Amino acid sequence: MNTKRPNSKPLSEEEKRKRIILESKEGRPIPQIVSTYRFHEKFVEKIIRAFGSRRTFKRRKGAGRPKKLNQALKIAIRNKVQSFPWLSCDQIARNLGKQVCAESIRLYLKYLEYVYKSPCKKPKLSKKDEDERLKWARTHKEYDFSQIIFAGEASF
């Protein structure tokens, strides 16, 4: 029996680069590497070329724009989404009060594999319907429901 757990911690970019170099040295074709690590084909080729000239798989220091989301902000976003899943990215950005735009939050949530789903539209109960339900519940308060099966919209 295999008791080994799957690796739940995602690989860092540096670790992915290292594995890309190792797999290319083993002779694995670039399209297979691309499908494994979800990088663009040109980017994988660039990593392999850079390793050939610089002999390192690490990024150059200072390359690219500094990240807007530091670790504390990422944790705050994750906690906010877990506590209040109905908030939009704009509302989360306003609640955090930081200089982070909603798009950055949206991209980070996508990285965490959150998916937007619009809520189901259900009409609210009218006051009359609420009163009728309450009246039914009160009249059947002492009723024995052991012989009754409640079925919603399921098909049997």
C-alpha atoms as a PDB file:
ATOM      1  CA  MET A   1       0.000   0.000   0.000  1.00  0.00           C
ATOM      2  CA  ASN A   2       1.343   3.395  -0.938  1.00  0.00           C
ATOM      3  CA  THR A   3       1.228   5.615   2.146  1.00  0.00           C
ATOM      4  CA  LYS A   4       3.162   8.470   0.611  1.00  0.00           C
ATOM      5  CA  ARG A   5       1.121  11.662   0.476  1.00  0.00           C
ATOM      6  CA  PRO A   6       1.078  13.852  -2.611  1.00  0.00           C
ATOM      7  CA  ASN A   7       3.168  17.000  -2.409  1.00  0.00           C
ATOM      8  CA  SER A   8       0.669  19.676  -1.406  1.00  0.00           C
ATOM      9  CA  LYS A   9       3.231  22.496  -1.369  1.00  0.00           C
ATOM     10  CA  PRO A  10       3.612  23.976  -4.855  1.00  0.00           C
ATOM     11  CA  LEU A  11       7.094  24.079  -6.348  1.00  0.00           C
ATOM     12  CA  SER A  12       8.909  27.383  -6.345  1.00  0.00           C
ATOM     13  CA  GLU A  13       9.853  28.900  -9.685  1.00  0.00           C
ATOM     14  CA  GLU A  14      13.520  28.173  -8.957  1.00  0.00           C
ATOM     15  CA  GLU A  15      12.750  24.499  -8.316  1.00  0.00           C
ATOM     16  CA  LYS A  16      10.716  24.325 -11.552  1.00  0.00           C
ATOM     17  CA  ARG A  17      13.637  25.841 -13.499  1.00  0.00           C
ATOM     18  CA  LYS A  18      16.017  23.306 -11.974  1.00  0.00           C
ATOM     19  CA  ARG A  19      13.749  20.408 -12.949  1.00  0.00           C
ATOM     20  CA  ILE A  20      13.340  21.793 -16.475  1.00  0.00           C
ATOM     21  CA  ILE A  21      17.137  21.792 -16.905  1.00  0.00           C
ATOM     22  CA  LEU A  22      17.443  18.250 -15.526  1.00  0.00           C
ATOM     23  CA  GLU A  23      14.662  16.935 -17.758  1.00  0.00           C
ATOM     24  CA  SER A  24      16.127  18.598 -20.846  1.00  0.00           C
ATOM     25  CA  LYS A  25      19.500  16.983 -20.070  1.00  0.00           C
ATOM     26  CA  GLU A  26      17.760  13.608 -19.818  1.00  0.00           C
ATOM     27  CA  GLY A  27      16.514  14.152 -23.372  1.00  0.00           C
ATOM     28  CA  ARG A  28      12.866  14.811 -22.662  1.00  0.00           C
ATOM     29  CA  PRO A  29      11.274  16.802 -25.508  1.00  0.00           C
ATOM     30  CA  ILE A  30      10.300  20.424 -24.857  1.00  0.00           C
ATOM     31  CA  PRO A  31       6.536  19.937 -25.548  1.00  0.00           C
ATOM     32  CA  GLN A  32       6.368  17.369 -22.729  1.00  0.00           C
ATOM     33  CA  ILE A  33       8.243  19.698 -20.374  1.00  0.00           C
ATOM     34  CA  VAL A  34       5.857  22.525 -21.311  1.00  0.00           C
ATOM     35  CA  SER A  35       2.794  20.413 -20.499  1.00  0.00           C
ATOM     36  CA  THR A  36       4.261  19.363 -17.134  1.00  0.00           C
ATOM     37  CA  TYR A  37       5.200  22.806 -15.807  1.00  0.00           C
ATOM     38  CA  ARG A  38       2.608  24.976 -17.625  1.00  0.00           C
ATOM     39  CA  PHE A  39       5.162  27.423 -18.979  1.00  0.00           C
ATOM     40  CA  HIS A  40       5.168  28.772 -22.520  1.00  0.00           C
ATOM     41  CA  GLU A  41       7.403  26.883 -24.946  1.00  0.00           C
ATOM     42  CA  LYS A  42       9.538  29.971 -25.636  1.00  0.00           C
ATOM     43  CA  PHE A  43      10.082  30.463 -21.906  1.00  0.00           C
ATOM     44  CA  VAL A  44      11.286  26.870 -21.459  1.00  0.00           C
ATOM     45  CA  GLU A  45      13.672  27.316 -24.393  1.00  0.00           C
ATOM     46  CA  LYS A  46      14.944  30.546 -22.826  1.00  0.00           C
ATOM     47  CA  ILE A  47      15.631  28.781 -19.504  1.00  0.00           C
ATOM     48  CA  ILE A  48      17.598  26.051 -21.297  1.00  0.00           C
ATOM     49  CA  ARG A  49      19.570  28.617 -23.358  1.00  0.00           C
ATOM     50  CA  ALA A  50      20.346  30.704 -20.273  1.00  0.00           C
ATOM     51  CA  PHE A  51      21.647  27.642 -18.473  1.00  0.00           C
ATOM     52  CA  GLY A  52      23.918  26.897 -21.410  1.00  0.00           C
ATOM     53  CA  SER A  53      25.487  30.373 -21.319  1.00  0.00           C
ATOM     54  CA  ARG A  54      25.436  31.259 -17.601  1.00  0.00           C
ATOM     55  CA  ARG A  55      25.557  27.734 -16.103  1.00  0.00           C
ATOM     56  CA  THR A  56      22.854  28.597 -13.588  1.00  0.00           C
ATOM     57  CA  PHE A  57      19.123  28.061 -13.541  1.00  0.00           C
ATOM     58  CA  LYS A  58      18.408  30.903 -11.121  1.00  0.00           C
ATOM     59  CA  ARG A  59      16.894  34.226 -12.168  1.00  0.00           C
ATOM     60  CA  ARG A  60      19.135  37.234 -12.313  1.00  0.00           C
ATOM     61  CA  LYS A  61      18.913  39.477  -9.279  1.00  0.00           C
ATOM     62  CA  GLY A  62      16.673  42.478  -9.868  1.00  0.00           C
ATOM     63  CA  ALA A  63      15.172  41.058 -13.046  1.00  0.00           C
ATOM     64  CA  GLY A  64      11.567  42.128 -13.467  1.00  0.00           C
ATOM     65  CA  ARG A  65       9.243  44.355 -11.528  1.00  0.00           C
ATOM     66  CA  PRO A  66       9.068  43.901  -7.747  1.00  0.00           C
ATOM     67  CA  LYS A  67       6.052  41.955  -6.574  1.00  0.00           C
ATOM     68  CA  LYS A  68       3.119  43.901  -5.147  1.00  0.00           C
ATOM     69  CA  LEU A  69       1.980  41.102  -2.842  1.00  0.00           C
ATOM     70  CA  ASN A  70       4.335  40.248  -0.006  1.00  0.00           C
ATOM     71  CA  GLN A  71       3.833  37.197   2.200  1.00  0.00           C
ATOM     72  CA  ALA A  72       1.809  39.097   4.818  1.00  0.00           C
ATOM     73  CA  LEU A  73      -0.612  40.406   2.176  1.00  0.00           C
ATOM     74  CA  LYS A  74      -1.004  36.925   0.675  1.00  0.00           C
ATOM     75  CA  ILE A  75      -1.888  35.505   4.079  1.00  0.00           C
ATOM     76  CA  ALA A  76      -4.342  38.352   4.696  1.00  0.00           C
ATOM     77  CA  ILE A  77      -6.033  37.748   1.319  1.00  0.00           C
ATOM     78  CA  ARG A  78      -6.268  34.002   1.943  1.00  0.00           C
ATOM     79  CA  ASN A  79      -7.759  34.560   5.418  1.00  0.00           C
ATOM     80  CA  LYS A  80     -10.226  37.136   4.106  1.00  0.00           C
ATOM     81  CA  VAL A  81     -11.466  34.772   1.369  1.00  0.00           C
ATOM     82  CA  GLN A  82     -11.802  31.858   3.775  1.00  0.00           C
ATOM     83  CA  SER A  83     -13.697  33.976   6.304  1.00  0.00           C
ATOM     84  CA  PHE A  84     -15.885  35.880   3.825  1.00  0.00           C
ATOM     85  CA  PRO A  85     -16.148  33.893   0.560  1.00  0.00           C
ATOM     86  CA  TRP A  86     -18.868  36.193  -0.828  1.00  0.00           C
ATOM     87  CA  LEU A  87     -16.612  39.274  -1.004  1.00  0.00           C
ATOM     88  CA  SER A  88     -15.511  40.484  -4.420  1.00  0.00           C
ATOM     89  CA  CYS A  89     -11.862  41.258  -5.201  1.00  0.00           C
ATOM     90  CA  ASP A  90     -12.663  44.980  -5.139  1.00  0.00           C
ATOM     91  CA  GLN A  91     -14.145  44.661  -1.656  1.00  0.00           C
ATOM     92  CA  ILE A  92     -11.143  42.658  -0.430  1.00  0.00           C
ATOM     93  CA  ALA A  93      -8.789  45.335  -1.788  1.00  0.00           C
ATOM     94  CA  ARG A  94     -10.769  48.042   0.015  1.00  0.00           C
ATOM     95  CA  ASN A  95     -10.894  46.031   3.255  1.00  0.00           C
ATOM     96  CA  LEU A  96      -7.144  45.465   3.261  1.00  0.00           C
ATOM     97  CA  GLY A  97      -6.543  49.178   2.847  1.00  0.00           C
ATOM     98  CA  LYS A  98      -3.262  48.529   1.060  1.00  0.00           C
ATOM     99  CA  GLN A  99      -2.018  49.730  -2.278  1.00  0.00           C
ATOM    100  CA  VAL A 100      -3.050  46.508  -4.005  1.00  0.00           C
ATOM    101  CA  CYS A 101      -5.422  46.518  -6.926  1.00  0.00           C
ATOM    102  CA  ALA A 102      -8.247  44.037  -7.358  1.00  0.00           C
ATOM    103  CA  GLU A 103      -6.518  42.514 -10.395  1.00  0.00           C
ATOM    104  CA  SER A 104      -3.500  41.481  -8.275  1.00  0.00           C
ATOM    105  CA  ILE A 105      -5.857  39.838  -5.806  1.00  0.00           C
ATOM    106  CA  ARG A 106      -7.729  38.156  -8.666  1.00  0.00           C
ATOM    107  CA  LEU A 107      -4.482  36.725 -10.071  1.00  0.00           C
ATOM    108  CA  TYR A 108      -3.365  35.487  -6.656  1.00  0.00           C
ATOM    109  CA  LEU A 109      -6.715  33.773  -6.076  1.00  0.00           C
ATOM    110  CA  LYS A 110      -6.420  32.161  -9.492  1.00  0.00           C
ATOM    111  CA  TYR A 111      -2.953  30.930  -8.470  1.00  0.00           C
ATOM    112  CA  LEU A 112      -4.582  29.413  -5.354  1.00  0.00           C
ATOM    113  CA  GLU A 113      -7.021  27.668  -7.761  1.00  0.00           C
ATOM    114  CA  TYR A 114     -10.138  29.542  -6.640  1.00  0.00           C
ATOM    115  CA  VAL A 115     -12.848  29.652  -9.285  1.00  0.00           C
ATOM    116  CA  TYR A 116     -15.537  32.315  -9.624  1.00  0.00           C
ATOM    117  CA  LYS A 117     -19.041  30.969  -9.682  1.00  0.00           C
ATOM    118  CA  SER A 118     -22.021  33.258  -9.813  1.00  0.00           C
ATOM    119  CA  PRO A 119     -24.589  32.498  -7.124  1.00  0.00           C
ATOM    120  CA  CYS A 120     -27.912  30.898  -8.010  1.00  0.00           C
ATOM    121  CA  LYS A 121     -30.713  33.393  -8.417  1.00  0.00           C
ATOM    122  CA  LYS A 122     -33.529  32.479  -6.077  1.00  0.00           C
ATOM    123  CA  PRO A 123     -36.516  34.692  -5.401  1.00  0.00           C
ATOM    124  CA  LYS A 124     -36.948  35.798  -1.795  1.00  0.00           C
ATOM    125  CA  LEU A 125     -39.962  34.565   0.113  1.00  0.00           C
ATOM    126  CA  SER A 126     -42.814  36.976   0.379  1.00  0.00           C
ATOM    127  CA  LYS A 127     -44.283  37.821   3.777  1.00  0.00           C
ATOM    128  CA  LYS A 128     -47.350  35.699   2.908  1.00  0.00           C
ATOM    129  CA  ASP A 129     -45.178  32.659   2.082  1.00  0.00           C
ATOM    130  CA  GLU A 130     -43.199  33.094   5.318  1.00  0.00           C
ATOM    131  CA  ASP A 131     -46.435  33.208   7.331  1.00  0.00           C
ATOM    132  CA  GLU A 132     -47.808  30.097   5.595  1.00  0.00           C
ATOM    133  CA  ARG A 133     -44.608  28.156   6.257  1.00  0.00           C
ATOM    134  CA  LEU A 134     -44.594  29.188   9.895  1.00  0.00           C
ATOM    135  CA  LYS A 135     -48.280  28.228  10.246  1.00  0.00           C
ATOM    136  CA  TRP A 136     -47.611  24.781   8.659  1.00  0.00           C
ATOM    137  CA  ALA A 137     -44.611  24.218  10.943  1.00  0.00           C
ATOM    138  CA  ARG A 138     -46.611  25.082  14.050  1.00  0.00           C
ATOM    139  CA  THR A 139     -49.541  22.801  13.106  1.00  0.00           C
ATOM    140  CA  HIS A 140     -47.165  19.884  12.390  1.00  0.00           C
ATOM    141  CA  LYS A 141     -44.933  20.458  15.406  1.00  0.00           C
ATOM    142  CA  GLU A 142     -45.989  17.256  17.207  1.00  0.00           C
ATOM    143  CA  TYR A 143     -46.500  15.192  14.019  1.00  0.00           C
ATOM    144  CA  ASP A 144     -44.627  11.850  13.641  1.00  0.00           C
ATOM    145  CA  PHE A 145     -42.506  12.126  10.467  1.00  0.00           C
ATOM    146  CA  SER A 146     -40.840   8.718  10.841  1.00  0.00           C
ATOM    147  CA  GLN A 147     -42.946   7.199   8.011  1.00  0.00           C
ATOM    148  CA  ILE A 148     -42.487  10.134   5.622  1.00  0.00           C
ATOM    149  CA  ILE A 149     -39.676  10.607   3.116  1.00  0.00           C
ATOM    150  CA  PHE A 150     -38.901  14.171   2.132  1.00  0.00           C
ATOM    151  CA  ALA A 151     -37.565  14.401  -1.399  1.00  0.00           C
ATOM    152  CA  GLY A 152     -36.556  17.615  -3.068  1.00  0.00           C
ATOM    153  CA  GLU A 153     -35.915  17.668  -6.779  1.00  0.00           C
ATOM    154  CA  ALA A 154     -34.001  14.398  -6.718  1.00  0.00           C
ATOM    155  CA  SER A 155     -34.945  11.568  -9.032  1.00  0.00           C
ATOM    156  CA  PHE A 156     -35.027   8.022  -7.710  1.00  0.00           C
END
